[in-house]
């Protein structure tokens, strides 16, 4: 539990620390906090509440929590998510850290849920750890992804998040360890995509093999070379290729005209309706596009490698996932960190005291927080 009661004052807004000192001098009050957010989210409160209860136990202070939504429940903008009642002296300086642990998780859970429901046939791999501000945030985001994924699985039968990239938080996805095979750096070290695949398989012979294929700009050529080298893995469905082509170039064999031709074969309506500039880029532009995924699937199938799976990564945000779903892009797994909140200001949770010793009182304009 971090921070503990002993360290809490160092991490808490000073006006809360001073308020606690004032309350200790002039007398305690039994208060009720209403906690809400300014945008729709999924309720992902368990980590925050576990911390809150942990500090309360350290202090020997009893608190009551009235949760209005279950884990993964849909919470509207401005709608009270929960009420916390207890000693003002003990609760007031917990607000800063409690809200830090609540808001970002709720937004990330919402984003993860929308991605999984938009692409229910795709498995997701949480690859956000490198983009998190430390281990505590990484744990919070993994937890959030698992909450959003669980709701998507219940509602739509989605595959959802199948795992994440680190051992520390793998338990949120029912795993004992993180998933992943190789970074671009290993390909550079090996000198070729095929050699990197051989090195990995020699070191981890019992592991499924997912090979990055964009390092040398030969996505198709290197993919087929790896498949021909490992035909047994390919036939058994234990070989996958990961496309992570950056936005500065097209996947091997594609240009704008060829990309349109690919979509004409597989999803003609995709290019016969209005698209924003960003959507067109995701369909037919550079990088990992819908056309690129279809192109890779065509080349694999033509070569007889129908069981080889395609892993797509690079900027798979909720919006990009929705677009890929609209054209039924043949993706097996998406590696993403883009369920992380894009606008941090949307993650701000708020807690207002709405009652003092049983008397309702809140600042003007927040009366909607009173218990109905």
Protein backbone atom coordinates (compact mmCIF):
# COMPACT_ATOMS: atom_id res chain seq x y z
CA UNK A 1 0.00 0.00 0.00
CA UNK A 2 1.59 3.24 -1.12
CA UNK A 3 1.77 5.71 0.44
CA UNK A 4 1.25 4.45 3.98
CA UNK A 5 -0.27 6.54 6.73
CA UNK A 6 3.20 7.50 7.96
CA UNK A 7 4.11 9.01 4.59
CA UNK A 8 0.74 10.39 3.55
CA UNK A 9 1.31 14.01 4.59
CA UNK A 10 4.21 14.30 2.12
CA UNK A 11 1.95 13.44 -0.81
CA UNK A 12 -1.19 15.34 0.18
CA UNK A 13 -2.25 18.84 -0.89
CA UNK A 14 -1.18 21.22 1.87
CA UNK A 15 -4.63 22.68 2.39
CA UNK A 16 -5.92 19.23 3.32
CA UNK A 17 -3.06 18.74 5.80
CA UNK A 18 -3.80 22.11 7.38
CA UNK A 19 -7.52 21.42 7.45
CA UNK A 20 -6.82 18.25 9.40
CA UNK A 21 -4.83 20.25 11.96
CA UNK A 22 -7.67 22.77 12.30
CA UNK A 23 -10.25 20.01 12.78
CA UNK A 24 -8.05 18.41 15.43
CA UNK A 25 -7.93 21.75 17.28
CA UNK A 26 -11.61 22.73 17.03
CA UNK A 27 -13.35 19.35 17.06
CA UNK A 28 -14.09 16.52 14.68
CA UNK A 29 -17.20 16.09 12.53
CA UNK A 30 -18.76 13.08 10.87
CA UNK A 31 -18.86 13.84 7.16
CA UNK A 32 -19.99 12.28 3.91
CA UNK A 33 -18.05 12.75 0.70
CA UNK A 34 -19.67 12.36 -2.72
CA UNK A 35 -17.21 11.25 -5.40
CA UNK A 36 -17.87 11.90 -9.10
CA UNK A 37 -16.26 12.56 -12.49
CA UNK A 38 -17.06 15.04 -15.22
CA UNK A 39 -17.25 12.54 -18.09
CA UNK A 40 -18.77 9.10 -18.59
CA UNK A 41 -16.53 6.32 -17.27
CA UNK A 42 -16.57 2.75 -16.07
CA UNK A 43 -16.36 2.33 -12.34
CA UNK A 44 -12.86 1.03 -11.53
CA UNK A 45 -12.67 1.91 -7.86
CA UNK A 46 -11.24 -1.18 -6.20
CA UNK A 47 -7.59 -0.11 -6.00
CA UNK A 48 -8.51 3.32 -4.68
CA UNK A 49 -10.91 1.89 -2.12
CA UNK A 50 -8.43 -0.77 -1.01
CA UNK A 51 -5.92 1.99 -0.33
CA UNK A 52 -8.50 4.11 1.49
CA UNK A 53 -9.54 1.23 3.72
CA UNK A 54 -5.91 0.32 4.35
CA UNK A 55 -5.05 3.79 5.65
CA UNK A 56 -8.23 3.80 7.74
CA UNK A 57 -7.17 0.52 9.35
CA UNK A 58 -3.71 1.92 10.09
CA UNK A 59 -5.37 4.86 11.81
CA UNK A 60 -7.94 2.78 13.61
CA UNK A 61 -10.64 4.87 11.94
CA UNK A 62 -13.87 3.29 10.77
CA UNK A 63 -15.23 4.47 7.43
CA UNK A 64 -18.32 3.50 5.51
CA UNK A 65 -18.36 3.25 1.72
CA UNK A 66 -21.60 3.22 -0.23
CA UNK A 67 -20.76 2.07 -3.73
CA UNK A 68 -23.47 3.01 -6.21
CA UNK A 69 -21.91 1.01 -9.04
CA UNK A 70 -20.28 -2.39 -9.27
CA UNK A 71 -16.84 -2.82 -10.81
CA UNK A 72 -17.21 -2.09 -14.52
CA UNK A 73 -20.52 -0.29 -14.02
CA UNK A 74 -21.38 2.56 -16.39
CA UNK A 75 -21.19 5.92 -14.58
CA UNK A 76 -22.58 9.07 -16.18
CA UNK A 77 -20.89 12.47 -16.23
CA UNK A 78 -21.41 14.22 -12.89
CA UNK A 79 -23.14 11.19 -11.39
CA UNK A 80 -22.04 10.27 -7.85
CA UNK A 81 -20.01 7.08 -8.07
CA UNK A 82 -19.79 6.43 -4.36
CA UNK A 83 -20.25 8.02 -0.94
CA UNK A 84 -17.62 7.82 1.80
CA UNK A 85 -18.63 8.55 5.39
CA UNK A 86 -16.45 8.87 8.46
CA UNK A 87 -14.35 11.15 10.62
CA UNK A 88 -13.50 14.43 8.89
CA UNK A 89 -10.16 14.44 10.71
CA UNK A 90 -9.22 11.07 9.21
CA UNK A 91 -10.72 11.49 5.74
CA UNK A 92 -9.72 15.00 4.77
CA UNK A 93 -6.04 14.33 4.05
CA UNK A 94 -6.76 11.12 2.12
CA UNK A 95 -8.50 12.95 -0.73
CA UNK A 96 -5.45 13.76 -2.87
CA UNK A 97 -4.10 10.23 -3.15
CA UNK A 98 -7.54 8.62 -3.28
CA UNK A 99 -8.53 10.66 -6.33
CA UNK A 100 -5.16 10.00 -7.99
CA UNK A 101 -5.88 6.29 -7.79
CA UNK A 102 -9.49 6.57 -8.95
CA UNK A 103 -9.91 8.90 -11.93
CA UNK A 104 -7.29 7.60 -14.38
CA UNK A 105 -8.34 3.97 -13.80
CA UNK A 106 -11.99 4.76 -14.55
CA UNK A 107 -11.16 6.48 -17.86
CA UNK A 108 -8.71 3.76 -18.92
CA UNK A 109 -11.32 1.09 -18.12
CA UNK A 110 -13.83 2.94 -20.30
CA UNK A 111 -11.35 3.12 -23.20
CA UNK A 112 -10.40 -0.54 -22.87
CA UNK A 113 -14.06 -1.52 -22.86
CA UNK A 114 -14.86 0.40 -26.04
CA UNK A 115 -11.89 -1.10 -27.87
CA UNK A 116 -12.84 -4.64 -26.88
CA UNK A 117 -16.50 -4.22 -27.79
CA UNK A 118 -15.70 -2.62 -31.14
CA UNK A 119 -13.39 -5.51 -32.04
CA UNK A 120 -14.85 -8.51 -30.20
CA UNK A 121 -13.05 -11.02 -32.43
CA UNK A 122 -9.62 -9.60 -31.58
CA UNK A 123 -7.49 -10.34 -28.54
CA UNK A 124 -5.75 -7.36 -26.95
CA UNK A 125 -2.33 -7.27 -25.35
CA UNK A 126 -1.65 -4.39 -22.93
CA UNK A 127 1.71 -2.93 -23.93
CA UNK A 128 1.47 0.32 -22.02
CA UNK A 129 4.13 -0.21 -19.34
CA UNK A 130 6.81 1.84 -21.18
CA UNK A 131 4.40 4.77 -21.45
CA UNK A 132 3.41 4.84 -17.78
CA UNK A 133 4.81 7.23 -15.20
CA UNK A 134 6.28 4.53 -12.99
CA UNK A 135 5.29 1.14 -11.64
CA UNK A 136 2.29 2.42 -9.68
CA UNK A 137 0.66 3.85 -12.79
CA UNK A 138 1.47 0.67 -14.71
CA UNK A 139 -0.37 -1.37 -12.07
CA UNK A 140 -3.33 1.01 -12.18
CA UNK A 141 -3.58 0.81 -15.97
CA UNK A 142 -3.35 -2.98 -16.06
CA UNK A 143 -6.10 -3.19 -13.46
CA UNK A 144 -8.22 -0.74 -15.47
CA UNK A 145 -7.78 -2.69 -18.70
CA UNK A 146 -8.89 -5.86 -16.92
CA UNK A 147 -12.05 -4.12 -15.63
CA UNK A 148 -13.01 -2.81 -19.08
CA UNK A 149 -12.15 -6.12 -20.69
CA UNK A 150 -14.24 -8.11 -18.21
CA UNK A 151 -17.33 -6.03 -18.96
CA UNK A 152 -16.80 -6.41 -22.72
CA UNK A 153 -16.50 -10.18 -22.31
CA UNK A 154 -19.72 -10.34 -20.29
CA UNK A 155 -21.73 -8.15 -22.64
CA UNK A 156 -20.52 -9.11 -26.10
CA UNK A 157 -18.51 -12.31 -25.68
CA UNK A 158 -15.44 -10.35 -26.74
CA UNK A 159 -12.01 -11.93 -26.50
CA UNK A 160 -10.85 -8.83 -24.67
CA UNK A 161 -7.42 -8.43 -23.13
CA UNK A 162 -5.56 -11.73 -23.14
CA UNK A 163 -2.59 -10.45 -21.15
CA UNK A 164 -0.03 -7.70 -20.76
CA UNK A 165 3.68 -7.11 -21.13
CA UNK A 166 4.98 -7.38 -17.55
CA UNK A 167 5.05 -10.12 -14.92
CA UNK A 168 4.12 -7.77 -12.09
CA UNK A 169 0.58 -7.08 -13.33
CA UNK A 170 -0.10 -10.25 -15.32
CA UNK A 171 -2.38 -11.53 -12.56
CA UNK A 172 -5.03 -8.99 -13.56
CA UNK A 173 -5.49 -10.97 -16.76
CA UNK A 174 -5.42 -14.43 -15.24
CA UNK A 175 -1.80 -14.93 -16.27
CA UNK A 176 1.25 -15.82 -14.21
CA UNK A 177 3.67 -13.83 -16.36
CA UNK A 178 3.80 -11.16 -19.01
CA UNK A 179 3.47 -11.88 -22.72
CA UNK A 180 5.71 -10.80 -25.57
CA UNK A 181 8.58 -12.05 -27.67
CA UNK A 182 10.97 -9.52 -29.21
CA UNK A 183 11.59 -5.78 -29.61
CA UNK A 184 13.08 -4.12 -32.67
CA UNK A 185 16.40 -4.00 -30.84
CA UNK A 186 16.70 -7.80 -30.99
CA UNK A 187 16.25 -7.75 -34.77
CA UNK A 188 18.99 -5.15 -35.08
CA UNK A 189 21.23 -7.27 -32.85
CA UNK A 190 20.55 -10.43 -34.87
CA UNK A 191 21.14 -8.73 -38.21
CA UNK A 192 18.06 -10.19 -39.86
CA UNK A 193 14.43 -10.90 -39.02
CA UNK A 194 14.90 -14.60 -39.66
CA UNK A 195 17.97 -14.83 -37.45
CA UNK A 196 16.15 -13.08 -34.62
CA UNK A 197 13.32 -15.62 -34.94
CA UNK A 198 15.83 -18.48 -34.86
CA UNK A 199 17.54 -17.07 -31.78
CA UNK A 200 14.26 -16.66 -29.96
CA UNK A 201 13.08 -20.16 -30.81
CA UNK A 202 16.42 -21.67 -29.84
CA UNK A 203 16.26 -19.91 -26.45
CA UNK A 204 12.53 -20.47 -25.81
CA UNK A 205 11.63 -23.59 -27.84
CA UNK A 206 8.34 -24.23 -26.05
CA UNK A 207 7.01 -20.68 -26.46
CA UNK A 208 4.74 -19.52 -29.30
CA UNK A 209 6.72 -17.32 -31.66
CA UNK A 210 5.64 -13.78 -32.61
CA UNK A 211 8.07 -12.09 -34.98
CA UNK A 212 8.37 -8.37 -35.66
CA UNK A 213 8.59 -8.00 -39.42
CA UNK A 214 8.92 -4.27 -40.17
CA UNK A 215 12.52 -3.57 -39.08
CA UNK A 216 14.05 -3.82 -42.57
CA UNK A 217 10.96 -2.60 -44.45
CA UNK A 218 10.42 -6.12 -45.85
CA UNK A 219 7.22 -7.04 -44.03
CA UNK A 220 6.01 -9.54 -46.61
CA UNK A 221 9.40 -10.92 -47.66
CA UNK A 222 10.60 -11.48 -44.10
CA UNK A 223 7.25 -12.88 -43.01
CA UNK A 224 7.28 -15.56 -45.69
CA UNK A 225 10.93 -16.35 -45.02
CA UNK A 226 10.17 -16.95 -41.32
CA UNK A 227 7.11 -19.06 -42.15
CA UNK A 228 9.12 -21.23 -44.53
CA UNK A 229 11.77 -21.69 -41.85
CA UNK A 230 9.22 -22.78 -39.22
CA UNK A 231 6.49 -24.64 -41.14
CA UNK A 232 5.51 -26.78 -38.16
CA UNK A 233 4.94 -23.77 -35.92
CA UNK A 234 3.04 -22.09 -38.74
CA UNK A 235 0.77 -25.07 -39.31
CA UNK A 236 0.10 -25.45 -35.59
CA UNK A 237 -0.97 -21.82 -35.18
CA UNK A 238 2.00 -21.14 -32.91
CA UNK A 239 3.58 -18.58 -35.22
CA UNK A 240 2.45 -14.98 -35.54
CA UNK A 241 3.81 -11.91 -37.28
CA UNK A 242 3.60 -8.49 -35.74
CA UNK A 243 3.28 -5.44 -37.98
CA UNK A 244 4.47 -2.25 -36.31
CA UNK A 245 5.32 -0.16 -39.37
CA UNK A 246 5.72 3.50 -38.49
CA UNK A 247 3.77 6.25 -40.17
CA UNK A 248 6.68 7.41 -42.32
CA UNK A 249 6.30 4.71 -44.97
CA UNK A 250 4.00 2.11 -46.51
CA UNK A 251 4.14 -1.60 -45.74
CA UNK A 252 6.20 -3.46 -48.35
CA UNK A 253 4.32 -3.72 -51.63
CA UNK A 254 1.79 -1.00 -50.94
CA UNK A 255 1.26 2.57 -52.04
CA UNK A 256 -1.90 4.67 -52.10
CA UNK A 257 -3.26 3.12 -55.29
CA UNK A 258 -2.47 -0.43 -54.22
CA UNK A 259 -4.02 0.22 -50.80
CA UNK A 260 -7.26 1.32 -52.41
CA UNK A 261 -7.19 -1.79 -54.58
CA UNK A 262 -6.79 -4.03 -51.54
CA UNK A 263 -9.79 -2.48 -49.81
CA UNK A 264 -11.80 -2.67 -53.02
CA UNK A 265 -11.33 -6.44 -52.88
CA UNK A 266 -12.24 -6.87 -49.22
CA UNK A 267 -14.21 -3.90 -47.91
CA UNK A 268 -15.38 -1.74 -50.83
CA UNK A 269 -17.81 0.27 -48.74
CA UNK A 270 -14.90 1.46 -46.61
CA UNK A 271 -13.78 3.81 -49.37
CA UNK A 272 -17.25 4.74 -50.65
CA UNK A 273 -18.39 6.66 -47.63
CA UNK A 274 -17.27 9.93 -46.09
CA UNK A 275 -14.03 9.63 -44.15
CA UNK A 276 -12.05 12.14 -42.19
CA UNK A 277 -8.42 12.69 -43.10
CA UNK A 278 -7.36 10.64 -40.09
CA UNK A 279 -9.67 7.76 -41.01
CA UNK A 280 -8.37 7.72 -44.59
CA UNK A 281 -4.83 7.51 -43.25
CA UNK A 282 -5.77 4.51 -41.12
CA UNK A 283 -7.44 2.88 -44.13
CA UNK A 284 -5.05 3.51 -47.01
CA UNK A 285 -2.13 5.56 -45.76
CA UNK A 286 1.28 4.80 -44.39
CA UNK A 287 1.92 2.69 -41.30
CA UNK A 288 -0.29 -0.09 -39.99
CA UNK A 289 -3.52 0.39 -41.94
CA UNK A 290 -6.54 -1.71 -42.74
CA UNK A 291 -5.14 -2.18 -46.24
CA UNK A 292 -1.79 -3.30 -44.81
CA UNK A 293 -3.44 -5.94 -42.63
CA UNK A 294 -5.55 -7.28 -45.50
CA UNK A 295 -2.46 -7.24 -47.74
CA UNK A 296 -0.51 -9.33 -45.25
CA UNK A 297 -3.40 -11.76 -44.85
CA UNK A 298 -3.58 -12.19 -48.64
CA UNK A 299 0.13 -12.93 -48.93
CA UNK A 300 0.05 -15.46 -46.07
CA UNK A 301 -2.99 -17.27 -47.43
CA UNK A 302 -1.60 -17.40 -50.97
CA UNK A 303 1.58 -19.01 -49.63
CA UNK A 304 -0.41 -21.62 -47.71
CA UNK A 305 0.14 -20.16 -44.23
CA UNK A 306 -3.49 -19.70 -43.25
CA UNK A 307 -2.87 -20.55 -39.59
CA UNK A 308 -0.25 -17.86 -39.08
CA UNK A 309 -1.76 -15.07 -37.00
CA UNK A 310 -1.41 -11.33 -37.48
CA UNK A 311 -0.58 -9.05 -34.56
CA UNK A 312 -1.03 -5.34 -35.25
CA UNK A 313 0.40 -2.51 -33.18
CA UNK A 314 1.24 1.18 -33.52
CA UNK A 315 -1.29 3.74 -32.35
CA UNK A 316 -4.32 1.51 -31.85
CA UNK A 317 -6.50 3.98 -29.98
CA UNK A 318 -10.26 3.51 -29.40
CA UNK A 319 -10.94 5.52 -32.58
CA UNK A 320 -8.57 3.45 -34.70
CA UNK A 321 -10.04 0.24 -33.31
CA UNK A 322 -13.54 1.40 -34.21
CA UNK A 323 -12.44 2.06 -37.78
CA UNK A 324 -10.75 -1.34 -38.07
CA UNK A 325 -13.96 -2.94 -36.83
CA UNK A 326 -16.00 -1.13 -39.49
CA UNK A 327 -13.97 -2.84 -42.24
CA UNK A 328 -13.58 -6.16 -40.40
CA UNK A 329 -9.80 -6.01 -40.63
CA UNK A 330 -8.39 -9.56 -40.21
CA UNK A 331 -6.41 -8.88 -37.04
CA UNK A 332 -5.90 -11.63 -34.48
CA UNK A 333 -4.26 -9.63 -31.70
CA UNK A 334 -3.73 -5.93 -31.14
CA UNK A 335 -0.82 -4.73 -29.04
CA UNK A 336 -1.85 -1.44 -27.51
CA UNK A 337 -1.08 1.14 -24.90
CA UNK A 338 -3.52 3.59 -26.41
CA UNK A 339 -6.31 2.89 -23.97
CA UNK A 340 -4.35 5.14 -21.64
CA UNK A 341 -6.24 8.42 -21.24
CA UNK A 342 -5.22 10.78 -24.05
CA UNK A 343 -6.34 13.91 -22.23
CA UNK A 344 -5.27 13.75 -18.63
CA UNK A 345 -7.70 16.51 -17.70
CA UNK A 346 -10.52 14.03 -18.32
CA UNK A 347 -9.24 11.81 -15.53
CA UNK A 348 -9.83 14.29 -12.74
CA UNK A 349 -12.11 12.80 -10.11
CA UNK A 350 -13.71 15.11 -7.55
CA UNK A 351 -14.77 14.55 -3.96
CA UNK A 352 -17.03 17.05 -2.20
CA UNK A 353 -18.23 16.90 1.39
CA UNK A 354 -22.04 16.99 1.20
CA UNK A 355 -22.98 16.48 4.87
CA UNK A 356 -21.54 17.48 8.25
CA UNK A 357 -22.87 15.58 11.27
CA UNK A 358 -25.94 14.61 9.27
CA UNK A 359 -26.71 18.12 7.96
CA UNK A 360 -26.60 18.42 4.17
CA UNK A 361 -24.28 21.20 3.03
CA UNK A 362 -22.28 21.67 -0.16
CA UNK A 363 -21.01 24.58 -2.21
CA UNK A 364 -23.60 26.25 -4.42
CA UNK A 365 -24.04 24.43 -7.71
CA UNK A 366 -23.17 20.98 -6.41
CA UNK A 367 -26.54 20.19 -4.85
CA UNK A 368 -26.96 17.41 -7.41
CA UNK A 369 -24.55 15.38 -5.30
CA UNK A 370 -27.00 15.05 -2.38
CA UNK A 371 -28.35 11.58 -1.82
CA UNK A 372 -31.67 11.20 -3.58
